[in-house]
């Protein structure tokens, strides 16, 4: 196991983490922005109005993108397990 392999594996793991978390973060960001605009226009500053829609949006994004996330994670894990025999020695 070379230092270059470890660095590339770490880089790939971080990239995969960002890629997998991006849909939920983007959905939460968009809904939060829309709620903030709605609150600024109507001057309603209820704290629960910001949290509940964000939670629902993130949950819906997770349900929508879950098959894709599982596919990416399984592919990464399969490739990682496939390289184990080449690392010994």
PDB file of N, CA and C in Angstrom:
ATOM      1  N   UNK A   1       0.852  -1.164   0.000  1.00  0.00           N
ATOM      2  CA  UNK A   1       0.000   0.000   0.000  1.00  0.00           C
ATOM      3  C   UNK A   1       0.905   1.236   0.000  1.00  0.00           C
ATOM      4  N   UNK A   2       0.793   2.000  -1.062  1.00  0.00           N
ATOM      5  CA  UNK A   2       1.641   3.178  -1.210  1.00  0.00           C
ATOM      6  C   UNK A   2       0.937   4.413  -0.668  1.00  0.00           C
ATOM      7  N   UNK A   3       1.683   5.426  -0.341  1.00  0.00           N
ATOM      8  CA  UNK A   3       1.054   6.670   0.111  1.00  0.00           C
ATOM      9  C   UNK A   3       0.136   7.284  -0.955  1.00  0.00           C
ATOM     10  N   UNK A   4       0.493   7.114  -2.218  1.00  0.00           N
ATOM     11  CA  UNK A   4      -0.363   7.638  -3.294  1.00  0.00           C
ATOM     12  C   UNK A   4      -1.712   6.932  -3.304  1.00  0.00           C
ATOM     13  N   UNK A   5      -1.710   5.611  -3.057  1.00  0.00           N
ATOM     14  CA  UNK A   5      -2.976   4.873  -3.026  1.00  0.00           C
ATOM     15  C   UNK A   5      -3.838   5.327  -1.856  1.00  0.00           C
ATOM     16  N   UNK A   6      -3.222   5.530  -0.717  1.00  0.00           N
ATOM     17  CA  UNK A   6      -3.971   5.979   0.468  1.00  0.00           C
ATOM     18  C   UNK A   6      -4.573   7.359   0.219  1.00  0.00           C
ATOM     19  N   UNK A   7      -3.791   8.255  -0.385  1.00  0.00           N
ATOM     20  CA  UNK A   7      -4.298   9.593  -0.676  1.00  0.00           C
ATOM     21  C   UNK A   7      -5.438   9.549  -1.694  1.00  0.00           C
ATOM     22  N   UNK A   8      -5.290   8.728  -2.725  1.00  0.00           N
ATOM     23  CA  UNK A   8      -6.363   8.649  -3.719  1.00  0.00           C
ATOM     24  C   UNK A   8      -7.610   8.017  -3.127  1.00  0.00           C
ATOM     25  N   UNK A   9      -7.439   7.034  -2.246  1.00  0.00           N
ATOM     26  CA  UNK A   9      -8.595   6.420  -1.588  1.00  0.00           C
ATOM     27  C   UNK A   9      -9.294   7.416  -0.664  1.00  0.00           C
ATOM     28  N   UNK A  10      -8.517   8.191   0.079  1.00  0.00           N
ATOM     29  CA  UNK A  10      -9.109   9.222   0.938  1.00  0.00           C
ATOM     30  C   UNK A  10      -9.819  10.292   0.130  1.00  0.00           C
ATOM     31  N   UNK A  11      -9.216  10.708  -0.979  1.00  0.00           N
ATOM     32  CA  UNK A  11      -9.835  11.709  -1.845  1.00  0.00           C
ATOM     33  C   UNK A  11     -11.150  11.180  -2.428  1.00  0.00           C
ATOM     34  N   UNK A  12     -11.129   9.917  -2.850  1.00  0.00           N
ATOM     35  CA  UNK A  12     -12.345   9.316  -3.404  1.00  0.00           C
ATOM     36  C   UNK A  12     -13.438   9.179  -2.346  1.00  0.00           C
ATOM     37  N   UNK A  13     -13.059   8.837  -1.123  1.00  0.00           N
ATOM     38  CA  UNK A  13     -14.032   8.709  -0.032  1.00  0.00           C
ATOM     39  C   UNK A  13     -14.655  10.063   0.311  1.00  0.00           C
ATOM     40  N   UNK A  14     -13.858  11.110   0.342  1.00  0.00           N
ATOM     41  CA  UNK A  14     -14.391  12.451   0.633  1.00  0.00           C
ATOM     42  C   UNK A  14     -15.293  12.920  -0.502  1.00  0.00           C
ATOM     43  N   UNK A  15     -14.871  12.673  -1.744  1.00  0.00           N
ATOM     44  CA  UNK A  15     -15.702  13.047  -2.889  1.00  0.00           C
ATOM     45  C   UNK A  15     -17.023  12.295  -2.870  1.00  0.00           C
ATOM     46  N   UNK A  16     -16.969  11.016  -2.536  1.00  0.00           N
ATOM     47  CA  UNK A  16     -18.187  10.216  -2.453  1.00  0.00           C
ATOM     48  C   UNK A  16     -19.110  10.729  -1.352  1.00  0.00           C
ATOM     49  N   UNK A  17     -18.542  11.110  -0.227  1.00  0.00           N
ATOM     50  CA  UNK A  17     -19.350  11.654   0.870  1.00  0.00           C
ATOM     51  C   UNK A  17     -20.050  12.942   0.453  1.00  0.00           C
ATOM     52  N   UNK A  18     -19.328  13.817  -0.209  1.00  0.00           N
ATOM     53  CA  UNK A  18     -19.932  15.067  -0.681  1.00  0.00           C
ATOM     54  C   UNK A  18     -21.007  14.803  -1.732  1.00  0.00           C
ATOM     55  N   UNK A  19     -20.745  13.866  -2.626  1.00  0.00           N
ATOM     56  CA  UNK A  19     -21.695  13.542  -3.681  1.00  0.00           C
ATOM     57  C   UNK A  19     -22.969  12.936  -3.111  1.00  0.00           C
ATOM     58  N   UNK A  20     -22.827  12.075  -2.124  1.00  0.00           N
ATOM     59  CA  UNK A  20     -23.987  11.414  -1.529  1.00  0.00           C
ATOM     60  C   UNK A  20     -24.818  12.382  -0.692  1.00  0.00           C
ATOM     61  N   UNK A  21     -24.169  13.320  -0.016  1.00  0.00           N
ATOM     62  CA  UNK A  21     -24.907  14.237   0.850  1.00  0.00           C
ATOM     63  C   UNK A  21     -25.453  15.450   0.103  1.00  0.00           C
ATOM     64  N   UNK A  22     -24.980  15.697  -1.104  1.00  0.00           N
ATOM     65  CA  UNK A  22     -25.370  16.904  -1.842  1.00  0.00           C
ATOM     66  C   UNK A  22     -26.871  17.029  -2.099  1.00  0.00           C
ATOM     67  N   UNK A  23     -27.593  15.980  -2.532  1.00  0.00           N
ATOM     68  CA  UNK A  23     -29.026  16.176  -2.792  1.00  0.00           C
ATOM     69  C   UNK A  23     -29.814  16.647  -1.570  1.00  0.00           C
ATOM     70  N   UNK A  24     -29.542  16.050  -0.403  1.00  0.00           N
ATOM     71  CA  UNK A  24     -30.264  16.461   0.799  1.00  0.00           C
ATOM     72  C   UNK A  24     -29.908  17.884   1.202  1.00  0.00           C
ATOM     73  N   UNK A  25     -28.632  18.222   1.087  1.00  0.00           N
ATOM     74  CA  UNK A  25     -28.211  19.577   1.445  1.00  0.00           C
ATOM     75  C   UNK A  25     -28.813  20.617   0.500  1.00  0.00           C
ATOM     76  N   UNK A  26     -28.850  20.311  -0.784  1.00  0.00           N
ATOM     77  CA  UNK A  26     -29.412  21.256  -1.757  1.00  0.00           C
ATOM     78  C   UNK A  26     -30.903  21.429  -1.540  1.00  0.00           C
ATOM     79  N   UNK A  27     -31.626  20.326  -1.309  1.00  0.00           N
ATOM     80  CA  UNK A  27     -33.063  20.447  -1.052  1.00  0.00           C
ATOM     81  C   UNK A  27     -33.318  21.275   0.204  1.00  0.00           C
ATOM     82  N   UNK A  28     -32.560  21.025   1.270  1.00  0.00           N
ATOM     83  CA  UNK A  28     -32.712  21.794   2.498  1.00  0.00           C
ATOM     84  C   UNK A  28     -32.384  23.263   2.299  1.00  0.00           C
ATOM     85  N   UNK A  29     -31.357  23.543   1.507  1.00  0.00           N
ATOM     86  CA  UNK A  29     -30.967  24.925   1.234  1.00  0.00           C
ATOM     87  C   UNK A  29     -32.045  25.658   0.451  1.00  0.00           C
ATOM     88  N   UNK A  30     -32.578  25.024  -0.575  1.00  0.00           N
ATOM     89  CA  UNK A  30     -33.605  25.667  -1.404  1.00  0.00           C
ATOM     90  C   UNK A  30     -34.870  25.925  -0.594  1.00  0.00           C
ATOM     91  N   UNK A  31     -35.307  24.942   0.172  1.00  0.00           N
ATOM     92  CA  UNK A  31     -36.506  25.133   0.987  1.00  0.00           C
ATOM     93  C   UNK A  31     -36.268  26.197   2.052  1.00  0.00           C
ATOM     94  N   UNK A  32     -35.109  26.201   2.685  1.00  0.00           N
ATOM     95  CA  UNK A  32     -34.796  27.229   3.675  1.00  0.00           C
ATOM     96  C   UNK A  32     -34.790  28.619   3.078  1.00  0.00           C
ATOM     97  N   UNK A  33     -34.251  28.742   1.870  1.00  0.00           N
ATOM     98  CA  UNK A  33     -34.241  30.040   1.193  1.00  0.00           C
ATOM     99  C   UNK A  33     -35.655  30.498   0.856  1.00  0.00           C
ATOM    100  N   UNK A  34     -36.478  29.569   0.357  1.00  0.00           N
ATOM    101  CA  UNK A  34     -37.865  29.933   0.038  1.00  0.00           C
ATOM    102  C   UNK A  34     -38.651  30.333   1.287  1.00  0.00           C
ATOM    103  N   UNK A  35     -38.447  29.615   2.368  1.00  0.00           N
ATOM    104  CA  UNK A  35     -39.133  29.947   3.624  1.00  0.00           C
ATOM    105  C   UNK A  35     -38.650  31.291   4.149  1.00  0.00           C
ATOM    106  N   UNK A  36     -37.372  31.572   4.031  1.00  0.00           N
ATOM    107  CA  UNK A  36     -36.837  32.861   4.483  1.00  0.00           C
ATOM    108  C   UNK A  36     -37.413  34.018   3.674  1.00  0.00           C
ATOM    109  N   UNK A  37     -37.530  33.821   2.377  1.00  0.00           N
ATOM    110  CA  UNK A  37     -38.149  34.853   1.530  1.00  0.00           C
ATOM    111  C   UNK A  37     -39.608  35.044   1.918  1.00  0.00           C
ATOM    112  N   UNK A  38     -40.322  33.937   2.146  1.00  0.00           N
ATOM    113  CA  UNK A  38     -41.726  34.015   2.566  1.00  0.00           C
ATOM    114  C   UNK A  38     -41.857  34.747   3.901  1.00  0.00           C
ATOM    115  N   UNK A  39     -40.958  34.465   4.830  1.00  0.00           N
ATOM    116  CA  UNK A  39     -41.009  35.141   6.122  1.00  0.00           C
ATOM    117  C   UNK A  39     -40.682  36.620   5.996  1.00  0.00           C
ATOM    118  N   UNK A  40     -39.770  36.974   5.121  1.00  0.00           N
ATOM    119  CA  UNK A  40     -39.425  38.386   4.943  1.00  0.00           C
ATOM    120  C   UNK A  40     -40.570  39.152   4.299  1.00  0.00           C
ATOM    121  N   UNK A  41     -41.262  38.508   3.368  1.00  0.00           N
ATOM    122  CA  UNK A  41     -42.371  39.181   2.674  1.00  0.00           C
ATOM    123  C   UNK A  41     -43.564  39.339   3.603  1.00  0.00           C
ATOM    124  N   UNK A  42     -43.893  38.292   4.361  1.00  0.00           N
ATOM    125  CA  UNK A  42     -45.089  38.337   5.201  1.00  0.00           C
ATOM    126  C   UNK A  42     -44.813  38.823   6.619  1.00  0.00           C
ATOM    127  N   UNK A  43     -43.569  38.966   6.985  1.00  0.00           N
ATOM    128  CA  UNK A  43     -43.147  39.376   8.325  1.00  0.00           C
ATOM    129  C   UNK A  43     -43.667  38.436   9.413  1.00  0.00           C
ATOM    130  N   UNK A  44     -43.752  37.151   9.069  1.00  0.00           N
ATOM    131  CA  UNK A  44     -44.087  36.111  10.046  1.00  0.00           C
ATOM    132  C   UNK A  44     -42.778  35.459  10.452  1.00  0.00           C
ATOM    133  N   UNK A  45     -42.424  35.543  11.718  1.00  0.00           N
ATOM    134  CA  UNK A  45     -41.152  35.009  12.177  1.00  0.00           C
ATOM    135  C   UNK A  45     -41.388  33.899  13.187  1.00  0.00           C
ATOM    136  N   UNK A  46     -41.998  32.846  12.736  1.00  0.00           N
ATOM    137  CA  UNK A  46     -42.245  31.674  13.570  1.00  0.00           C
ATOM    138  C   UNK A  46     -41.080  30.707  13.409  1.00  0.00           C
ATOM    139  N   UNK A  47     -40.484  30.262  14.507  1.00  0.00           N
ATOM    140  CA  UNK A  47     -39.306  29.396  14.436  1.00  0.00           C
ATOM    141  C   UNK A  47     -39.619  28.027  13.855  1.00  0.00           C
ATOM    142  N   UNK A  48     -40.795  27.487  14.175  1.00  0.00           N
ATOM    143  CA  UNK A  48     -41.124  26.155  13.667  1.00  0.00           C
ATOM    144  C   UNK A  48     -41.392  26.176  12.167  1.00  0.00           C
ATOM    145  N   UNK A  49     -41.705  27.338  11.632  1.00  0.00           N
ATOM    146  CA  UNK A  49     -41.967  27.442  10.194  1.00  0.00           C
ATOM    147  C   UNK A  49     -40.706  27.161   9.381  1.00  0.00           C
ATOM    148  N   UNK A  50     -39.548  27.351   9.957  1.00  0.00           N
ATOM    149  CA  UNK A  50     -38.307  27.088   9.220  1.00  0.00           C
ATOM    150  C   UNK A  50     -37.865  25.631   9.329  1.00  0.00           C
ATOM    151  N   UNK A  51     -38.081  25.011  10.466  1.00  0.00           N
ATOM    152  CA  UNK A  51     -37.544  23.671  10.681  1.00  0.00           C
ATOM    153  C   UNK A  51     -38.369  22.571  10.036  1.00  0.00           C
ATOM    154  N   UNK A  52     -39.671  22.622  10.174  1.00  0.00           N
ATOM    155  CA  UNK A  52     -40.524  21.539   9.689  1.00  0.00           C
ATOM    156  C   UNK A  52     -40.419  21.370   8.169  1.00  0.00           C
ATOM    157  N   UNK A  53     -40.529  22.425   7.363  1.00  0.00           N
ATOM    158  CA  UNK A  53     -40.387  22.221   5.908  1.00  0.00           C
ATOM    159  C   UNK A  53     -39.008  21.714   5.500  1.00  0.00           C
ATOM    160  N   UNK A  54     -37.961  22.152   6.200  1.00  0.00           N
ATOM    161  CA  UNK A  54     -36.617  21.665   5.883  1.00  0.00           C
ATOM    162  C   UNK A  54     -36.493  20.177   6.181  1.00  0.00           C
ATOM    163  N   UNK A  55     -37.029  19.753   7.298  1.00  0.00           N
ATOM    164  CA  UNK A  55     -36.974  18.334   7.658  1.00  0.00           C
ATOM    165  C   UNK A  55     -37.740  17.505   6.638  1.00  0.00           C
ATOM    166  N   UNK A  56     -38.909  17.980   6.240  1.00  0.00           N
ATOM    167  CA  UNK A  56     -39.701  17.264   5.245  1.00  0.00           C
ATOM    168  C   UNK A  56     -38.971  17.228   3.906  1.00  0.00           C
ATOM    169  N   UNK A  57     -38.364  18.323   3.500  1.00  0.00           N
ATOM    170  CA  UNK A  57     -37.654  18.373   2.223  1.00  0.00           C
ATOM    171  C   UNK A  57     -36.451  17.435   2.226  1.00  0.00           C
ATOM    172  N   UNK A  58     -35.712  17.411   3.311  1.00  0.00           N
ATOM    173  CA  UNK A  58     -34.551  16.522   3.392  1.00  0.00           C
ATOM    174  C   UNK A  58     -35.005  15.059   3.393  1.00  0.00           C
ATOM    175  N   UNK A  59     -36.093  14.755   4.088  1.00  0.00           N
ATOM    176  CA  UNK A  59     -36.608  13.387   4.093  1.00  0.00           C
ATOM    177  C   UNK A  59     -37.086  12.973   2.698  1.00  0.00           C
ATOM    178  N   UNK A  60     -37.768  13.878   1.997  1.00  0.00           N
ATOM    179  CA  UNK A  60     -38.211  13.570   0.638  1.00  0.00           C
ATOM    180  C   UNK A  60     -37.028  13.400  -0.313  1.00  0.00           C
ATOM    181  N   UNK A  61     -36.023  14.233  -0.166  1.00  0.00           N
ATOM    182  CA  UNK A  61     -34.821  14.088  -0.996  1.00  0.00           C
ATOM    183  C   UNK A  61     -34.134  12.762  -0.715  1.00  0.00           C
ATOM    184  N   UNK A  62     -34.090  12.365   0.544  1.00  0.00           N
ATOM    185  CA  UNK A  62     -33.490  11.085   0.889  1.00  0.00           C
ATOM    186  C   UNK A  62     -34.270   9.934   0.262  1.00  0.00           C
ATOM    187  N   UNK A  63     -35.593   9.986   0.341  1.00  0.00           N
ATOM    188  CA  UNK A  63     -36.399   8.938  -0.274  1.00  0.00           C
ATOM    189  C   UNK A  63     -36.250   8.922  -1.792  1.00  0.00           C
ATOM    190  N   UNK A  64     -36.163  10.099  -2.387  1.00  0.00           N
ATOM    191  CA  UNK A  64     -36.048  10.196  -3.837  1.00  0.00           C
ATOM    192  C   UNK A  64     -34.695   9.693  -4.335  1.00  0.00           C
ATOM    193  N   UNK A  65     -33.625  10.037  -3.638  1.00  0.00           N
ATOM    194  CA  UNK A  65     -32.276   9.709  -4.084  1.00  0.00           C
ATOM    195  C   UNK A  65     -31.699   8.465  -3.427  1.00  0.00           C
ATOM    196  N   UNK A  66     -32.450   7.788  -2.566  1.00  0.00           N
ATOM    197  CA  UNK A  66     -31.927   6.627  -1.852  1.00  0.00           C
ATOM    198  C   UNK A  66     -31.450   5.507  -2.780  1.00  0.00           C
ATOM    199  N   UNK A  67     -32.181   5.138  -3.823  1.00  0.00           N
ATOM    200  CA  UNK A  67     -31.654   4.087  -4.707  1.00  0.00           C
ATOM    201  C   UNK A  67     -30.321   4.471  -5.358  1.00  0.00           C
ATOM    202  N   UNK A  68     -30.190   5.715  -5.767  1.00  0.00           N
ATOM    203  CA  UNK A  68     -28.950   6.192  -6.364  1.00  0.00           C
ATOM    204  C   UNK A  68     -27.810   6.179  -5.345  1.00  0.00           C
ATOM    205  N   UNK A  69     -28.099   6.617  -4.118  1.00  0.00           N
ATOM    206  CA  UNK A  69     -27.094   6.633  -3.057  1.00  0.00           C
ATOM    207  C   UNK A  69     -26.629   5.217  -2.743  1.00  0.00           C
ATOM    208  N   UNK A  70     -27.580   4.291  -2.631  1.00  0.00           N
ATOM    209  CA  UNK A  70     -27.220   2.906  -2.334  1.00  0.00           C
ATOM    210  C   UNK A  70     -26.372   2.331  -3.455  1.00  0.00           C
ATOM    211  N   UNK A  71     -26.730   2.622  -4.706  1.00  0.00           N
ATOM    212  CA  UNK A  71     -25.968   2.120  -5.851  1.00  0.00           C
ATOM    213  C   UNK A  71     -24.533   2.634  -5.824  1.00  0.00           C
ATOM    214  N   UNK A  72     -24.347   3.902  -5.562  1.00  0.00           N
ATOM    215  CA  UNK A  72     -23.001   4.479  -5.507  1.00  0.00           C
ATOM    216  C   UNK A  72     -22.197   3.881  -4.350  1.00  0.00           C
ATOM    217  N   UNK A  73     -22.822   3.735  -3.197  1.00  0.00           N
ATOM    218  CA  UNK A  73     -22.118   3.182  -2.043  1.00  0.00           C
ATOM    219  C   UNK A  73     -21.743   1.715  -2.260  1.00  0.00           C
ATOM    220  N   UNK A  74     -22.636   0.940  -2.873  1.00  0.00           N
ATOM    221  CA  UNK A  74     -22.339  -0.469  -3.149  1.00  0.00           C
ATOM    222  C   UNK A  74     -21.203  -0.583  -4.164  1.00  0.00           C
ATOM    223  N   UNK A  75     -21.217   0.262  -5.194  1.00  0.00           N
ATOM    224  CA  UNK A  75     -20.131   0.241  -6.175  1.00  0.00           C
ATOM    225  C   UNK A  75     -18.787   0.563  -5.526  1.00  0.00           C
ATOM    226  N   UNK A  76     -18.764   1.584  -4.687  1.00  0.00           N
ATOM    227  CA  UNK A  76     -17.524   1.958  -3.999  1.00  0.00           C
ATOM    228  C   UNK A  76     -17.037   0.830  -3.092  1.00  0.00           C
ATOM    229  N   UNK A  77     -17.944   0.248  -2.333  1.00  0.00           N
ATOM    230  CA  UNK A  77     -17.577  -0.831  -1.415  1.00  0.00           C
ATOM    231  C   UNK A  77     -17.090  -2.054  -2.168  1.00  0.00           C
ATOM    232  N   UNK A  78     -17.751  -2.372  -3.279  1.00  0.00           N
ATOM    233  CA  UNK A  78     -17.322  -3.513  -4.096  1.00  0.00           C
ATOM    234  C   UNK A  78     -15.922  -3.296  -4.650  1.00  0.00           C
ATOM    235  N   UNK A  79     -15.659  -2.093  -5.158  1.00  0.00           N
ATOM    236  CA  UNK A  79     -14.314  -1.795  -5.655  1.00  0.00           C
ATOM    237  C   UNK A  79     -13.282  -1.843  -4.537  1.00  0.00           C
ATOM    238  N   UNK A  80     -13.661  -1.349  -3.364  1.00  0.00           N
ATOM    239  CA  UNK A  80     -12.750  -1.360  -2.230  1.00  0.00           C
ATOM    240  C   UNK A  80     -12.422  -2.789  -1.790  1.00  0.00           C
ATOM    241  N   UNK A  81     -13.451  -3.631  -1.691  1.00  0.00           N
ATOM    242  CA  UNK A  81     -13.215  -5.034  -1.326  1.00  0.00           C
ATOM    243  C   UNK A  81     -12.450  -5.775  -2.408  1.00  0.00           C
ATOM    244  N   UNK A  82     -12.640  -5.376  -3.664  1.00  0.00           N
ATOM    245  CA  UNK A  82     -11.922  -6.016  -4.756  1.00  0.00           C
ATOM    246  C   UNK A  82     -10.435  -5.722  -4.743  1.00  0.00           C
ATOM    247  N   UNK A  83     -10.047  -4.601  -4.156  1.00  0.00           N
ATOM    248  CA  UNK A  83      -8.624  -4.248  -4.105  1.00  0.00           C
ATOM    249  C   UNK A  83      -7.902  -4.818  -2.893  1.00  0.00           C
ATOM    250  N   UNK A  84      -8.612  -5.447  -1.985  1.00  0.00           N
ATOM    251  CA  UNK A  84      -7.979  -5.994  -0.775  1.00  0.00           C
ATOM    252  C   UNK A  84      -6.906  -7.033  -1.109  1.00  0.00           C
ATOM    253  N   UNK A  85      -7.158  -7.973  -2.036  1.00  0.00           N
ATOM    254  CA  UNK A  85      -6.086  -8.941  -2.334  1.00  0.00           C
ATOM    255  C   UNK A  85      -4.821  -8.314  -2.909  1.00  0.00           C
ATOM    256  N   UNK A  86      -4.933  -7.200  -3.588  1.00  0.00           N
ATOM    257  CA  UNK A  86      -3.747  -6.574  -4.163  1.00  0.00           C
ATOM    258  C   UNK A  86      -2.961  -5.765  -3.126  1.00  0.00           C
ATOM    259  N   UNK A  87      -3.558  -5.485  -1.971  1.00  0.00           N
ATOM    260  CA  UNK A  87      -2.889  -4.692  -0.950  1.00  0.00           C
ATOM    261  C   UNK A  87      -1.959  -5.516  -0.071  1.00  0.00           C
ATOM    262  N   UNK A  88      -2.179  -6.813   0.009  1.00  0.00           N
ATOM    263  CA  UNK A  88      -1.381  -7.660   0.870  1.00  0.00           C
ATOM    264  C   UNK A  88      -0.025  -7.908   0.231  1.00  0.00           C
ATOM    265  N   UNK A  89       0.981  -7.691   0.972  1.00  0.00           N
ATOM    266  CA  UNK A  89       2.308  -8.030   0.470  1.00  0.00           C
ATOM    267  C   UNK A  89       3.224  -6.914   0.273  1.00  0.00           C
TER     268      UNK A  89
END
